[in-house]
Protein backbone atom coordinates (compact mmCIF):
# COMPACT_ATOMS: atom_id res chain seq x y z
CA UNK A 1 -0.04 -0.01 0.25
CA UNK A 2 1.16 3.79 -0.81
CA UNK A 3 1.43 5.83 2.32
CA UNK A 4 2.53 8.83 0.61
CA UNK A 5 -0.71 10.35 0.70
CA UNK A 6 -1.47 9.58 4.58
CA UNK A 7 2.12 11.19 4.77
CA UNK A 8 1.29 14.19 2.74
CA UNK A 9 -2.12 14.67 4.78
CA UNK A 10 0.08 14.65 8.19
CA UNK A 11 2.22 17.41 6.55
CA UNK A 12 -0.72 19.51 5.81
CA UNK A 13 -2.44 18.63 9.50
CA UNK A 14 0.89 20.22 10.93
CA UNK A 15 0.84 22.84 9.00
CA UNK A 16 -2.44 23.86 9.87
CA UNK A 17 -1.26 23.19 13.87
CA UNK A 18 1.75 25.77 13.35
CA UNK A 19 -1.02 28.06 12.19
CA UNK A 20 -3.13 28.12 14.97
CA UNK A 21 0.13 28.43 17.18
CA UNK A 22 1.31 31.53 15.61
CA UNK A 23 -2.33 32.78 15.55
CA UNK A 24 -2.32 32.24 18.90
CA UNK A 25 0.78 34.16 19.92
CA UNK A 26 -0.63 36.71 18.08
CA UNK A 27 -3.81 37.14 20.53
CA UNK A 28 -6.64 34.79 20.77
CA UNK A 29 -9.17 37.46 20.92
CA UNK A 30 -7.75 39.33 18.17
CA UNK A 31 -7.12 36.52 15.94
CA UNK A 32 -10.30 34.34 16.53
CA UNK A 33 -11.77 34.46 13.29
CA UNK A 34 -8.52 33.04 11.83
CA UNK A 35 -8.20 30.12 14.80
CA UNK A 36 -12.26 29.25 14.14
CA UNK A 37 -11.35 29.14 10.12
CA UNK A 38 -8.25 27.18 11.39
CA UNK A 39 -9.88 24.43 13.31
CA UNK A 40 -12.66 24.20 10.71
CA UNK A 41 -10.37 23.51 7.85
CA UNK A 42 -7.88 21.47 10.15
CA UNK A 43 -11.00 19.63 11.29
CA UNK A 44 -11.99 18.75 7.75
CA UNK A 45 -8.53 17.64 6.73
CA UNK A 46 -8.30 15.24 9.69
CA UNK A 47 -11.81 13.62 8.94
CA UNK A 48 -11.06 12.66 5.50
CA UNK A 49 -7.36 11.08 6.89
CA UNK A 50 -8.98 9.42 9.43
CA UNK A 51 -12.06 8.09 6.66
CA UNK A 52 -8.87 6.99 4.49
CA UNK A 53 -7.43 5.23 7.39
CA UNK A 54 -10.58 3.06 8.53
CA UNK A 55 -11.51 2.03 5.00
CA UNK A 56 -8.39 1.41 3.36
CA UNK A 57 -5.22 1.43 5.64
CA UNK A 58 -6.54 -0.71 8.61
CA UNK A 59 -8.38 -2.97 6.05
CA UNK A 60 -6.04 -3.78 3.70
CA UNK A 61 -3.69 -4.23 7.21
CA UNK A 62 -6.25 -7.19 8.23
CA UNK A 63 -6.36 -8.52 4.67
CA UNK A 64 -2.46 -8.87 4.21
CA UNK A 65 -1.94 -12.29 5.80
CA UNK A 66 0.50 -10.93 7.99
CA UNK A 67 -0.38 -11.28 11.74
CA UNK A 68 2.23 -8.96 13.09
CA UNK A 69 1.25 -5.81 10.46
CA UNK A 70 -2.88 -6.89 11.19
CA UNK A 71 -1.98 -7.08 15.14
CA UNK A 72 0.10 -3.79 14.51
CA UNK A 73 -2.67 -1.73 12.56
CA UNK A 74 -5.58 -3.07 15.36
CA UNK A 75 -3.45 -1.35 17.96
CA UNK A 76 -3.03 1.85 15.95
CA UNK A 77 -6.81 1.64 15.08
CA UNK A 78 -7.66 1.23 18.82
CA UNK A 79 -5.46 3.71 20.25
CA UNK A 80 -6.34 6.11 17.79
CA UNK A 81 -10.35 6.35 18.78
CA UNK A 82 -9.73 8.48 21.93
CA UNK A 83 -7.20 10.68 20.41
CA UNK A 84 -10.11 11.55 17.19
CA UNK A 85 -12.64 11.53 19.70
CA UNK A 86 -11.15 14.16 21.71
CA UNK A 87 -10.28 16.31 18.32
CA UNK A 88 -13.47 15.93 17.27
CA UNK A 89 -14.90 17.41 20.46
CA UNK A 90 -12.14 20.05 20.57
CA UNK A 91 -13.42 20.84 16.93
CA UNK A 92 -17.00 21.10 18.06
CA UNK A 93 -16.08 23.23 20.70
CA UNK A 94 -13.93 26.11 19.09
CA UNK A 95 -15.16 26.44 15.55
CA UNK A 96 -16.38 29.88 15.86
CA UNK A 97 -14.69 33.00 16.73
CA UNK A 98 -17.57 33.55 19.08
CA UNK A 99 -16.71 30.70 21.42
CA UNK A 100 -12.93 31.33 21.30
CA UNK A 101 -13.42 35.11 22.23
CA UNK A 102 -15.91 33.74 24.69
CA UNK A 103 -13.05 31.61 26.62
CA UNK A 104 -9.76 32.36 25.08
CA UNK A 105 -7.90 31.04 28.06
CA UNK A 106 -9.97 27.61 27.49
CA UNK A 107 -9.41 27.82 24.10
CA UNK A 108 -5.35 28.01 24.95
CA UNK A 109 -5.64 25.22 27.50
CA UNK A 110 -7.66 23.16 24.95
CA UNK A 111 -5.65 23.43 22.12
CA UNK A 112 -2.47 22.91 23.72
CA UNK A 113 -3.60 19.39 24.85
CA UNK A 114 -5.43 18.27 22.18
CA UNK A 115 -2.67 19.35 19.51
CA UNK A 116 0.19 18.25 21.39
CA UNK A 117 -1.78 14.70 21.51
CA UNK A 118 -2.05 14.96 17.77
CA UNK A 119 1.41 15.85 17.03
CA UNK A 120 2.91 13.18 19.12
CA UNK A 121 0.62 10.84 17.35
CA UNK A 122 1.25 11.38 13.60
CA UNK A 123 5.49 11.61 14.86
CA UNK A 124 4.58 7.91 16.31
CA UNK A 125 2.61 6.76 12.98
CA UNK A 126 5.30 8.59 10.76
CA UNK A 127 8.26 7.32 13.11
CA UNK A 128 7.47 3.59 13.82
CA UNK A 129 4.10 2.99 12.10
CA UNK A 130 4.26 3.70 8.49
CA UNK A 131 8.08 2.58 8.28
CA UNK A 132 6.76 -0.60 9.57
CA UNK A 133 4.22 -1.30 7.22
CA UNK A 134 6.05 -0.11 4.17
CA UNK A 135 9.47 -2.52 5.11
CA UNK A 136 6.99 -5.44 5.91
CA UNK A 137 4.76 -5.22 2.75
CA UNK A 138 7.97 -4.61 0.85
């Protein structure tokens, strides 16, 4: 399976994270419209990415005939569920400028926690999961 699209989506998601950080440093209330727009855009990309993993990547690993890959895929799939749920809750809560302006400190705390978990997960996939899939299937 070609994982280049997944890797490129990680790069795009990380760009969104960087944009949110930059805007936050510039002032959360002042940049609330841009922050909300960034949350919405990143949410759309993450939903697409997760759907592709669920519909293509994980099933392919289960069908691979390689029990090590099947188990690895099942573990990564299971581990992603609470992270995806946390991000979904974050995106639903902070998708408008009004919500962000109403609780700038809450947004900062939620963004720091949620985006850190997301970043750590993508780092783990890039460093451990994708290379293992590529080398084992090659």
